[in-house]
Amino acid sequence: MTVLALDFETANERRDSACAVGLAWIAEGRVIRRESHLIRPPEMRFSPGNIRVHGILPSNVTDAPDFATAMVPYLDDLRRGLILAHNASFDIGVLRAGLVRAGLPVPDLSYLCTVQVARRVFPAPEGCGLGKVARRLGIRFEHHDAGEDAYACAEIALAAMRERQAADIHALAAVIGLPITRAAGGPAIPRRAPGAISGRAMAAFPQAPTALRFSMRGSTGNRYDVSLEERPGGPQLRCTCTAGRFGVRCRHVKALEVGDVTDLLSDNAADVVLLARMLGASARVAGAA
């Protein structure tokens, strides 16, 4: 069975705001592979407290892949394997929330918390935080870098195996009396973001252009393009302004959603009216569901 350590960093207090992931695979008593990636969170809202912890800024992840793109290559290993995480409830929660937000199915997961492992094998009055345990064991790493944290987590598990003379992680769990947690998954849950139009609402407006595009005037006179793009939750408005590039529902999008043509530069006011009707129909469909 695949055994791998997992660590996430988040942009804010929400579990679906992952901005970095680290993974470390274990086999034959050592770490055999390490991966780490920055992730562009859906809302690009970074809390100052989170930035102080991991040092990741919005500008660092502007061109990073979204959660689905970053995580899909590893889902088979996560589904089939045993996941290690230091404070596993957090990292497993981020994984599940990120998959749900991305509209992907959540696989059945098996995991073991290395905080609990450390409390049984390497207890100390100062506690069993990742940095404290690693320091006691002589594990050198850069704390709060997701890839480094995953590596330290894996090394703590390996040190516990050696300490208790366990042949593998499953044997270690049995020796220390720590049951492996098994969490059931679930199917993909379609999510419609604000400004997204359901398929039923689109079908109700056959006269709508195949591609709705608008040019809008910014507060400083700049010209921005807003277009209706296909997204997992339905077609959604995206803007080329700075906020829009960060995935934020900007004021240009909000204006078009309610039919406000004050800052419209393109000559298609009728399409703005049509768009507002389509969004209203979509909201009624969602309310009746």
C-alpha atoms as a PDB file:
ATOM      1  CA  MET A   1       0.000   0.000   0.000  1.00  0.00           C
ATOM      2  CA  THR A   2       1.170   3.525  -0.811  1.00  0.00           C
ATOM      3  CA  VAL A   3       2.055   5.586   2.263  1.00  0.00           C
ATOM      4  CA  LEU A   4       2.455   9.326   1.851  1.00  0.00           C
ATOM      5  CA  ALA A   5       2.571  12.401   4.080  1.00  0.00           C
ATOM      6  CA  LEU A   6       0.403  15.375   3.176  1.00  0.00           C
ATOM      7  CA  ASP A   7       0.526  19.035   4.195  1.00  0.00           C
ATOM      8  CA  PHE A   8      -1.471  22.073   3.101  1.00  0.00           C
ATOM      9  CA  GLU A   9      -1.091  25.801   3.652  1.00  0.00           C
ATOM     10  CA  THR A  10      -4.231  27.936   3.376  1.00  0.00           C
ATOM     11  CA  ALA A  11      -4.801  31.534   2.310  1.00  0.00           C
ATOM     12  CA  ASN A  12      -7.360  32.291   5.007  1.00  0.00           C
ATOM     13  CA  GLU A  13      -9.551  30.650   7.636  1.00  0.00           C
ATOM     14  CA  ARG A  14     -11.568  28.639   5.105  1.00  0.00           C
ATOM     15  CA  ARG A  15     -10.625  25.016   4.521  1.00  0.00           C
ATOM     16  CA  ASP A  16     -11.191  25.423   0.765  1.00  0.00           C
ATOM     17  CA  SER A  17      -8.517  28.133   0.437  1.00  0.00           C
ATOM     18  CA  ALA A  18      -5.425  25.939  -0.071  1.00  0.00           C
ATOM     19  CA  CYS A  19      -2.515  27.946  -1.467  1.00  0.00           C
ATOM     20  CA  ALA A  20       0.217  25.271  -1.255  1.00  0.00           C
ATOM     21  CA  VAL A  21       0.474  21.503  -0.963  1.00  0.00           C
ATOM     22  CA  GLY A  22       3.357  19.228  -0.051  1.00  0.00           C
ATOM     23  CA  LEU A  23       3.574  15.436  -0.341  1.00  0.00           C
ATOM     24  CA  ALA A  24       6.242  12.928   0.686  1.00  0.00           C
ATOM     25  CA  TRP A  25       6.104   9.210  -0.164  1.00  0.00           C
ATOM     26  CA  ILE A  26       7.510   6.507   2.135  1.00  0.00           C
ATOM     27  CA  ALA A  27       8.802   3.082   1.087  1.00  0.00           C
ATOM     28  CA  GLU A  28      11.416   0.691   2.414  1.00  0.00           C
ATOM     29  CA  GLY A  29      11.936   2.740   5.545  1.00  0.00           C
ATOM     30  CA  ARG A  30      12.737   6.063   3.902  1.00  0.00           C
ATOM     31  CA  VAL A  31      11.289   9.002   1.994  1.00  0.00           C
ATOM     32  CA  ILE A  32      11.543   8.079  -1.680  1.00  0.00           C
ATOM     33  CA  ARG A  33       9.775  11.014  -3.330  1.00  0.00           C
ATOM     34  CA  ARG A  34       8.828  14.609  -2.524  1.00  0.00           C
ATOM     35  CA  GLU A  35       6.494  17.032  -4.319  1.00  0.00           C
ATOM     36  CA  SER A  36       5.318  20.551  -3.544  1.00  0.00           C
ATOM     37  CA  HIS A  37       3.189  23.033  -5.478  1.00  0.00           C
ATOM     38  CA  LEU A  38       1.679  26.456  -5.035  1.00  0.00           C
ATOM     39  CA  ILE A  39      -2.103  26.575  -5.588  1.00  0.00           C
ATOM     40  CA  ARG A  40      -4.298  29.468  -6.690  1.00  0.00           C
ATOM     41  CA  PRO A  41      -7.197  29.554  -4.199  1.00  0.00           C
ATOM     42  CA  PRO A  42     -10.682  30.239  -5.576  1.00  0.00           C
ATOM     43  CA  GLU A  43     -11.169  33.648  -3.977  1.00  0.00           C
ATOM     44  CA  MET A  44      -7.560  34.921  -3.713  1.00  0.00           C
ATOM     45  CA  ARG A  45      -8.343  36.324  -0.256  1.00  0.00           C
ATOM     46  CA  PHE A  46      -5.230  36.099   1.914  1.00  0.00           C
ATOM     47  CA  SER A  47      -5.511  36.820   5.633  1.00  0.00           C
ATOM     48  CA  PRO A  48      -2.553  38.690   7.187  1.00  0.00           C
ATOM     49  CA  GLY A  49      -2.240  36.045   9.908  1.00  0.00           C
ATOM     50  CA  ASN A  50      -1.908  33.248   7.349  1.00  0.00           C
ATOM     51  CA  ILE A  51       0.661  35.235   5.375  1.00  0.00           C
ATOM     52  CA  ARG A  52       2.689  35.720   8.550  1.00  0.00           C
ATOM     53  CA  VAL A  53       2.747  31.942   9.041  1.00  0.00           C
ATOM     54  CA  HIS A  54       3.713  30.740   5.549  1.00  0.00           C
ATOM     55  CA  GLY A  55       4.854  33.890   3.738  1.00  0.00           C
ATOM     56  CA  ILE A  56       2.814  33.162   0.603  1.00  0.00           C
ATOM     57  CA  LEU A  57       1.403  36.295  -1.066  1.00  0.00           C
ATOM     58  CA  PRO A  58      -1.350  36.616  -3.688  1.00  0.00           C
ATOM     59  CA  SER A  59       1.292  37.625  -6.238  1.00  0.00           C
ATOM     60  CA  ASN A  60       3.061  34.294  -5.651  1.00  0.00           C
ATOM     61  CA  VAL A  61       0.073  32.239  -6.805  1.00  0.00           C
ATOM     62  CA  THR A  62      -1.402  34.378  -9.590  1.00  0.00           C
ATOM     63  CA  ASP A  63      -0.176  31.945 -12.249  1.00  0.00           C
ATOM     64  CA  ALA A  64      -0.348  28.814 -10.083  1.00  0.00           C
ATOM     65  CA  PRO A  65      -2.744  25.967 -10.948  1.00  0.00           C
ATOM     66  CA  ASP A  66      -6.116  25.749  -9.230  1.00  0.00           C
ATOM     67  CA  PHE A  67      -6.838  23.059  -6.643  1.00  0.00           C
ATOM     68  CA  ALA A  68      -8.176  20.504  -9.092  1.00  0.00           C
ATOM     69  CA  THR A  69      -5.257  20.875 -11.500  1.00  0.00           C
ATOM     70  CA  ALA A  70      -2.722  20.645  -8.684  1.00  0.00           C
ATOM     71  CA  MET A  71      -4.277  17.651  -6.906  1.00  0.00           C
ATOM     72  CA  VAL A  72      -5.735  15.390  -9.605  1.00  0.00           C
ATOM     73  CA  PRO A  73      -2.333  13.742 -10.388  1.00  0.00           C
ATOM     74  CA  TYR A  74      -2.131  12.543  -6.765  1.00  0.00           C
ATOM     75  CA  LEU A  75      -5.717  11.457  -6.140  1.00  0.00           C
ATOM     76  CA  ASP A  76      -5.126   7.795  -6.992  1.00  0.00           C
ATOM     77  CA  ASP A  77      -2.302   7.568  -4.458  1.00  0.00           C
ATOM     78  CA  LEU A  78      -4.376   9.413  -1.847  1.00  0.00           C
ATOM     79  CA  ARG A  79      -7.373   7.173  -2.504  1.00  0.00           C
ATOM     80  CA  ARG A  80      -5.486   3.881  -2.481  1.00  0.00           C
ATOM     81  CA  GLY A  81      -2.896   4.737   0.147  1.00  0.00           C
ATOM     82  CA  LEU A  82      -2.488   5.608   3.789  1.00  0.00           C
ATOM     83  CA  ILE A  83      -2.135   9.350   4.390  1.00  0.00           C
ATOM     84  CA  LEU A  84       0.031  10.748   7.168  1.00  0.00           C
ATOM     85  CA  ALA A  85      -0.496  14.312   8.366  1.00  0.00           C
ATOM     86  CA  HIS A  86       0.563  16.283  11.408  1.00  0.00           C
ATOM     87  CA  ASN A  87      -2.800  17.446  12.803  1.00  0.00           C
ATOM     88  CA  ALA A  88      -4.572  15.301  10.237  1.00  0.00           C
ATOM     89  CA  SER A  89      -8.053  16.714  10.854  1.00  0.00           C
ATOM     90  CA  PHE A  90      -6.864  20.009   9.333  1.00  0.00           C
ATOM     91  CA  ASP A  91      -5.118  18.642   6.246  1.00  0.00           C
ATOM     92  CA  ILE A  92      -7.785  16.035   5.490  1.00  0.00           C
ATOM     93  CA  GLY A  93     -10.385  18.772   5.948  1.00  0.00           C
ATOM     94  CA  VAL A  94      -8.555  20.978   3.425  1.00  0.00           C
ATOM     95  CA  LEU A  95      -8.341  18.093   0.961  1.00  0.00           C
ATOM     96  CA  ARG A  96     -12.038  17.278   1.220  1.00  0.00           C
ATOM     97  CA  ALA A  97     -13.163  20.942   1.125  1.00  0.00           C
ATOM     98  CA  GLY A  98     -10.944  21.677  -1.854  1.00  0.00           C
ATOM     99  CA  LEU A  99     -12.333  18.736  -3.816  1.00  0.00           C
ATOM    100  CA  VAL A 100     -15.910  19.711  -3.014  1.00  0.00           C
ATOM    101  CA  ARG A 101     -15.265  23.337  -3.999  1.00  0.00           C
ATOM    102  CA  ALA A 102     -13.697  22.144  -7.260  1.00  0.00           C
ATOM    103  CA  GLY A 103     -16.735  19.973  -8.040  1.00  0.00           C
ATOM    104  CA  LEU A 104     -14.712  16.745  -7.821  1.00  0.00           C
ATOM    105  CA  PRO A 105     -15.753  13.518  -6.071  1.00  0.00           C
ATOM    106  CA  VAL A 106     -14.230  12.949  -2.635  1.00  0.00           C
ATOM    107  CA  PRO A 107     -12.586   9.503  -2.450  1.00  0.00           C
ATOM    108  CA  ASP A 108     -12.644   7.234   0.583  1.00  0.00           C
ATOM    109  CA  LEU A 109      -9.577   8.160   2.643  1.00  0.00           C
ATOM    110  CA  SER A 110      -7.471   6.363   5.253  1.00  0.00           C
ATOM    111  CA  TYR A 111      -5.185   8.457   7.427  1.00  0.00           C
ATOM    112  CA  LEU A 112      -3.069   8.555  10.553  1.00  0.00           C
ATOM    113  CA  CYS A 113      -2.259  11.670  12.574  1.00  0.00           C
ATOM    114  CA  THR A 114       1.437  11.991  13.422  1.00  0.00           C
ATOM    115  CA  VAL A 115       0.633  14.359  16.295  1.00  0.00           C
ATOM    116  CA  GLN A 116      -1.047  11.387  17.945  1.00  0.00           C
ATOM    117  CA  VAL A 117       1.867   9.137  16.948  1.00  0.00           C
ATOM    118  CA  ALA A 118       4.350  11.564  18.536  1.00  0.00           C
ATOM    119  CA  ARG A 119       2.315  11.821  21.750  1.00  0.00           C
ATOM    120  CA  ARG A 120       2.560   8.052  22.156  1.00  0.00           C
ATOM    121  CA  VAL A 121       6.149   7.540  21.025  1.00  0.00           C
ATOM    122  CA  PHE A 122       7.942  10.861  21.686  1.00  0.00           C
ATOM    123  CA  PRO A 123       5.996  12.600  24.491  1.00  0.00           C
ATOM    124  CA  ALA A 124       7.440  15.767  26.026  1.00  0.00           C
ATOM    125  CA  PRO A 125       6.150  18.546  28.311  1.00  0.00           C
ATOM    126  CA  GLU A 126       6.677  21.124  25.547  1.00  0.00           C
ATOM    127  CA  GLY A 127       4.147  19.398  23.321  1.00  0.00           C
ATOM    128  CA  CYS A 128       4.161  17.641  19.979  1.00  0.00           C
ATOM    129  CA  GLY A 129       3.898  20.400  17.415  1.00  0.00           C
ATOM    130  CA  LEU A 130       5.681  19.621  14.155  1.00  0.00           C
ATOM    131  CA  GLY A 131       8.622  21.924  14.799  1.00  0.00           C
ATOM    132  CA  LYS A 132       9.062  20.755  18.401  1.00  0.00           C
ATOM    133  CA  VAL A 133       9.044  17.051  17.556  1.00  0.00           C
ATOM    134  CA  ALA A 134      11.355  17.559  14.582  1.00  0.00           C
ATOM    135  CA  ARG A 135      13.791  19.499  16.737  1.00  0.00           C
ATOM    136  CA  ARG A 136      13.832  16.753  19.373  1.00  0.00           C
ATOM    137  CA  LEU A 137      14.522  14.158  16.681  1.00  0.00           C
ATOM    138  CA  GLY A 138      17.113  16.199  14.809  1.00  0.00           C
ATOM    139  CA  ILE A 139      15.008  16.512  11.648  1.00  0.00           C
ATOM    140  CA  ARG A 140      16.102  19.591   9.708  1.00  0.00           C
ATOM    141  CA  PHE A 141      13.441  21.339   7.624  1.00  0.00           C
ATOM    142  CA  GLU A 142      11.934  24.749   6.805  1.00  0.00           C
ATOM    143  CA  HIS A 143       8.753  24.982   8.867  1.00  0.00           C
ATOM    144  CA  HIS A 144       5.528  26.133   7.142  1.00  0.00           C
ATOM    145  CA  ASP A 145       6.809  25.305   3.685  1.00  0.00           C
ATOM    146  CA  ALA A 146       4.254  22.679   2.619  1.00  0.00           C
ATOM    147  CA  GLY A 147       6.793  20.391   0.967  1.00  0.00           C
ATOM    148  CA  GLU A 148       9.175  20.643   3.916  1.00  0.00           C
ATOM    149  CA  ASP A 149       6.383  20.049   6.427  1.00  0.00           C
ATOM    150  CA  ALA A 150       5.248  16.920   4.575  1.00  0.00           C
ATOM    151  CA  TYR A 151       8.837  15.661   4.629  1.00  0.00           C
ATOM    152  CA  ALA A 152       9.148  16.309   8.390  1.00  0.00           C
ATOM    153  CA  CYS A 153       5.834  14.533   8.988  1.00  0.00           C
ATOM    154  CA  ALA A 154       7.078  11.489   7.073  1.00  0.00           C
ATOM    155  CA  GLU A 155      10.379  11.491   8.959  1.00  0.00           C
ATOM    156  CA  ILE A 156       8.568  11.589  12.320  1.00  0.00           C
ATOM    157  CA  ALA A 157       6.575   8.504  11.300  1.00  0.00           C
ATOM    158  CA  LEU A 158       9.771   6.735  10.207  1.00  0.00           C
ATOM    159  CA  ALA A 159      11.490   7.632  13.481  1.00  0.00           C
ATOM    160  CA  ALA A 160       8.524   6.209  15.405  1.00  0.00           C
ATOM    161  CA  MET A 161       8.744   2.981  13.383  1.00  0.00           C
ATOM    162  CA  ARG A 162      12.406   2.637  14.280  1.00  0.00           C
ATOM    163  CA  GLU A 163      11.761   3.479  17.940  1.00  0.00           C
ATOM    164  CA  ARG A 164       9.070   0.807  18.259  1.00  0.00           C
ATOM    165  CA  GLN A 165      10.759  -1.609  15.844  1.00  0.00           C
ATOM    166  CA  ALA A 166       7.678  -1.726  13.638  1.00  0.00           C
ATOM    167  CA  ALA A 167       7.998  -3.178  10.145  1.00  0.00           C
ATOM    168  CA  ASP A 168       5.719  -0.579   8.568  1.00  0.00           C
ATOM    169  CA  ILE A 169       3.233   2.176   9.374  1.00  0.00           C
ATOM    170  CA  HIS A 170       0.354  -0.259   9.833  1.00  0.00           C
ATOM    171  CA  ALA A 171       2.406  -2.278  12.310  1.00  0.00           C
ATOM    172  CA  LEU A 172       3.336   0.938  14.132  1.00  0.00           C
ATOM    173  CA  ALA A 173      -0.333   1.913  14.467  1.00  0.00           C
ATOM    174  CA  ALA A 174      -1.101  -1.524  15.930  1.00  0.00           C
ATOM    175  CA  VAL A 175       1.842  -1.440  18.359  1.00  0.00           C
ATOM    176  CA  ILE A 176       0.954   1.975  19.802  1.00  0.00           C
ATOM    177  CA  GLY A 177      -2.799   1.335  19.805  1.00  0.00           C
ATOM    178  CA  LEU A 178      -3.665   4.138  17.407  1.00  0.00           C
ATOM    179  CA  PRO A 179      -6.436   3.131  14.987  1.00  0.00           C
ATOM    180  CA  ILE A 180      -6.225   4.256  11.376  1.00  0.00           C
ATOM    181  CA  THR A 181      -9.087   6.638  10.591  1.00  0.00           C
ATOM    182  CA  ARG A 182     -11.207   5.793   7.569  1.00  0.00           C
ATOM    183  CA  ALA A 183     -13.384   8.549   6.124  1.00  0.00           C
ATOM    184  CA  ALA A 184     -16.058   7.801   3.550  1.00  0.00           C
ATOM    185  CA  GLY A 185     -16.060   9.880   0.392  1.00  0.00           C
ATOM    186  CA  GLY A 186     -18.897  11.068  -1.773  1.00  0.00           C
ATOM    187  CA  PRO A 187     -19.848  12.033  -5.330  1.00  0.00           C
ATOM    188  CA  ALA A 188     -19.088  15.376  -6.924  1.00  0.00           C
ATOM    189  CA  ILE A 189     -21.425  18.146  -5.808  1.00  0.00           C
ATOM    190  CA  PRO A 190     -22.092  20.681  -8.572  1.00  0.00           C
ATOM    191  CA  ARG A 191     -21.611  24.216  -7.273  1.00  0.00           C
ATOM    192  CA  ARG A 192     -22.906  27.334  -8.993  1.00  0.00           C
ATOM    193  CA  ALA A 193     -20.901  30.415  -8.153  1.00  0.00           C
ATOM    194  CA  PRO A 194     -22.479  33.894  -8.014  1.00  0.00           C
ATOM    195  CA  GLY A 195     -22.906  35.067 -11.570  1.00  0.00           C
ATOM    196  CA  ALA A 196     -23.064  31.513 -12.951  1.00  0.00           C
ATOM    197  CA  ILE A 197     -25.895  30.454 -15.226  1.00  0.00           C
ATOM    198  CA  SER A 198     -27.417  26.981 -15.018  1.00  0.00           C
ATOM    199  CA  GLY A 199     -27.784  24.796 -18.087  1.00  0.00           C
ATOM    200  CA  ARG A 200     -31.574  24.961 -17.849  1.00  0.00           C
ATOM    201  CA  ALA A 201     -31.488  28.748 -17.831  1.00  0.00           C
ATOM    202  CA  MET A 202     -29.132  28.790 -20.838  1.00  0.00           C
ATOM    203  CA  ALA A 203     -31.462  26.463 -22.738  1.00  0.00           C
ATOM    204  CA  ALA A 204     -34.383  28.787 -22.052  1.00  0.00           C
ATOM    205  CA  PHE A 205     -32.660  31.571 -24.043  1.00  0.00           C
ATOM    206  CA  PRO A 206     -31.834  30.118 -27.491  1.00  0.00           C
ATOM    207  CA  GLN A 207     -31.476  33.670 -28.817  1.00  0.00           C
ATOM    208  CA  ALA A 208     -28.436  34.299 -26.614  1.00  0.00           C
ATOM    209  CA  PRO A 209     -25.101  34.695 -28.446  1.00  0.00           C
ATOM    210  CA  THR A 210     -22.774  31.705 -28.201  1.00  0.00           C
ATOM    211  CA  ALA A 211     -20.219  33.966 -26.491  1.00  0.00           C
ATOM    212  CA  LEU A 212     -21.273  36.936 -24.367  1.00  0.00           C
ATOM    213  CA  ARG A 213     -18.537  39.578 -24.092  1.00  0.00           C
ATOM    214  CA  PHE A 214     -18.592  43.101 -22.744  1.00  0.00           C
ATOM    215  CA  SER A 215     -16.080  45.940 -22.499  1.00  0.00           C
ATOM    216  CA  MET A 216     -16.265  47.939 -19.267  1.00  0.00           C
ATOM    217  CA  ARG A 217     -14.677  51.207 -18.112  1.00  0.00           C
ATOM    218  CA  GLY A 218     -12.634  50.991 -14.909  1.00  0.00           C
ATOM    219  CA  SER A 219     -12.478  53.642 -12.209  1.00  0.00           C
ATOM    220  CA  THR A 220      -9.317  55.143 -13.762  1.00  0.00           C
ATOM    221  CA  GLY A 221     -10.618  54.955 -17.312  1.00  0.00           C
ATOM    222  CA  ASN A 222      -8.960  51.646 -18.187  1.00  0.00           C
ATOM    223  CA  ARG A 223     -10.826  49.269 -20.466  1.00  0.00           C
ATOM    224  CA  TYR A 224     -11.571  45.754 -19.174  1.00  0.00           C
ATOM    225  CA  ASP A 225     -13.184  42.797 -20.904  1.00  0.00           C
ATOM    226  CA  VAL A 226     -15.851  40.688 -19.218  1.00  0.00           C
ATOM    227  CA  SER A 227     -16.804  37.377 -20.793  1.00  0.00           C
ATOM    228  CA  LEU A 228     -19.039  34.445 -19.973  1.00  0.00           C
ATOM    229  CA  GLU A 229     -16.772  31.417 -19.468  1.00  0.00           C
ATOM    230  CA  GLU A 230     -17.702  27.770 -19.022  1.00  0.00           C
ATOM    231  CA  ARG A 231     -17.079  26.647 -15.426  1.00  0.00           C
ATOM    232  CA  PRO A 232     -17.921  23.448 -13.463  1.00  0.00           C
ATOM    233  CA  GLY A 233     -20.945  25.141 -11.855  1.00  0.00           C
ATOM    234  CA  GLY A 234     -22.177  26.655 -15.118  1.00  0.00           C
ATOM    235  CA  PRO A 235     -21.143  29.578 -17.363  1.00  0.00           C
ATOM    236  CA  GLN A 236     -19.671  32.336 -15.200  1.00  0.00           C
ATOM    237  CA  LEU A 237     -18.635  35.948 -15.789  1.00  0.00           C
ATOM    238  CA  ARG A 238     -14.897  36.646 -15.593  1.00  0.00           C
ATOM    239  CA  CYS A 239     -13.203  40.048 -15.879  1.00  0.00           C
ATOM    240  CA  THR A 240      -9.695  40.981 -16.989  1.00  0.00           C
ATOM    241  CA  CYS A 241      -9.280  43.608 -14.245  1.00  0.00           C
ATOM    242  CA  THR A 242      -6.847  42.926 -11.394  1.00  0.00           C
ATOM    243  CA  ALA A 243      -9.563  41.663  -9.039  1.00  0.00           C
ATOM    244  CA  GLY A 244     -11.033  39.481 -11.776  1.00  0.00           C
ATOM    245  CA  ARG A 245      -7.659  37.907 -12.548  1.00  0.00           C
ATOM    246  CA  PHE A 246      -7.462  36.964  -8.874  1.00  0.00           C
ATOM    247  CA  GLY A 247     -10.821  35.198  -9.148  1.00  0.00           C
ATOM    248  CA  VAL A 248     -12.762  37.942  -7.330  1.00  0.00           C
ATOM    249  CA  ARG A 249     -16.283  38.882  -8.433  1.00  0.00           C
ATOM    250  CA  CYS A 250     -15.407  42.490  -9.236  1.00  0.00           C
ATOM    251  CA  ARG A 251     -17.618  45.567  -9.526  1.00  0.00           C
ATOM    252  CA  HIS A 252     -17.724  45.288 -13.342  1.00  0.00           C
ATOM    253  CA  VAL A 253     -19.190  41.802 -13.107  1.00  0.00           C
ATOM    254  CA  LYS A 254     -21.633  42.839 -10.380  1.00  0.00           C
ATOM    255  CA  ALA A 255     -22.853  45.749 -12.510  1.00  0.00           C
ATOM    256  CA  LEU A 256     -23.507  43.519 -15.511  1.00  0.00           C
ATOM    257  CA  GLU A 257     -25.334  40.980 -13.342  1.00  0.00           C
ATOM    258  CA  VAL A 258     -27.988  43.558 -12.460  1.00  0.00           C
ATOM    259  CA  GLY A 259     -28.167  45.126 -15.938  1.00  0.00           C
ATOM    260  CA  ASP A 260     -26.235  48.312 -15.079  1.00  0.00           C
ATOM    261  CA  VAL A 261     -24.780  49.748 -18.318  1.00  0.00           C
ATOM    262  CA  THR A 262     -23.294  52.931 -16.800  1.00  0.00           C
ATOM    263  CA  ASP A 263     -19.699  51.861 -17.510  1.00  0.00           C
ATOM    264  CA  LEU A 264     -20.389  49.767 -20.610  1.00  0.00           C
ATOM    265  CA  LEU A 265     -18.032  50.688 -23.475  1.00  0.00           C
ATOM    266  CA  SER A 266     -19.036  48.030 -25.995  1.00  0.00           C
ATOM    267  CA  ASP A 267     -22.117  48.564 -28.154  1.00  0.00           C
ATOM    268  CA  ASN A 268     -24.216  45.669 -26.850  1.00  0.00           C
ATOM    269  CA  ALA A 269     -26.492  47.036 -24.134  1.00  0.00           C
ATOM    270  CA  ALA A 270     -29.193  44.611 -25.293  1.00  0.00           C
ATOM    271  CA  ASP A 271     -26.912  41.721 -24.337  1.00  0.00           C
ATOM    272  CA  VAL A 272     -26.590  43.165 -20.823  1.00  0.00           C
ATOM    273  CA  VAL A 273     -30.363  43.092 -20.451  1.00  0.00           C
ATOM    274  CA  LEU A 274     -30.425  39.523 -21.796  1.00  0.00           C
ATOM    275  CA  LEU A 275     -27.664  38.500 -19.365  1.00  0.00           C
ATOM    276  CA  ALA A 276     -29.580  39.896 -16.372  1.00  0.00           C
ATOM    277  CA  ARG A 277     -32.685  37.954 -17.454  1.00  0.00           C
ATOM    278  CA  MET A 278     -30.656  34.753 -17.822  1.00  0.00           C
ATOM    279  CA  LEU A 279     -29.168  35.165 -14.336  1.00  0.00           C
ATOM    280  CA  GLY A 280     -32.615  35.818 -12.902  1.00  0.00           C
ATOM    281  CA  ALA A 281     -33.936  32.647 -14.554  1.00  0.00           C
ATOM    282  CA  SER A 282     -30.956  30.715 -13.187  1.00  0.00           C
ATOM    283  CA  ALA A 283     -31.684  31.942  -9.665  1.00  0.00           C
ATOM    284  CA  ARG A 284     -35.322  30.872  -9.989  1.00  0.00           C
ATOM    285  CA  VAL A 285     -34.250  27.405 -11.189  1.00  0.00           C
ATOM    286  CA  ALA A 286     -31.901  27.080  -8.215  1.00  0.00           C
ATOM    287  CA  GLY A 287     -34.626  28.211  -5.805  1.00  0.00           C
ATOM    288  CA  ALA A 288     -37.081  25.652  -7.166  1.00  0.00           C
ATOM    289  CA  ALA A 289     -34.561  22.791  -6.952  1.00  0.00           C
END
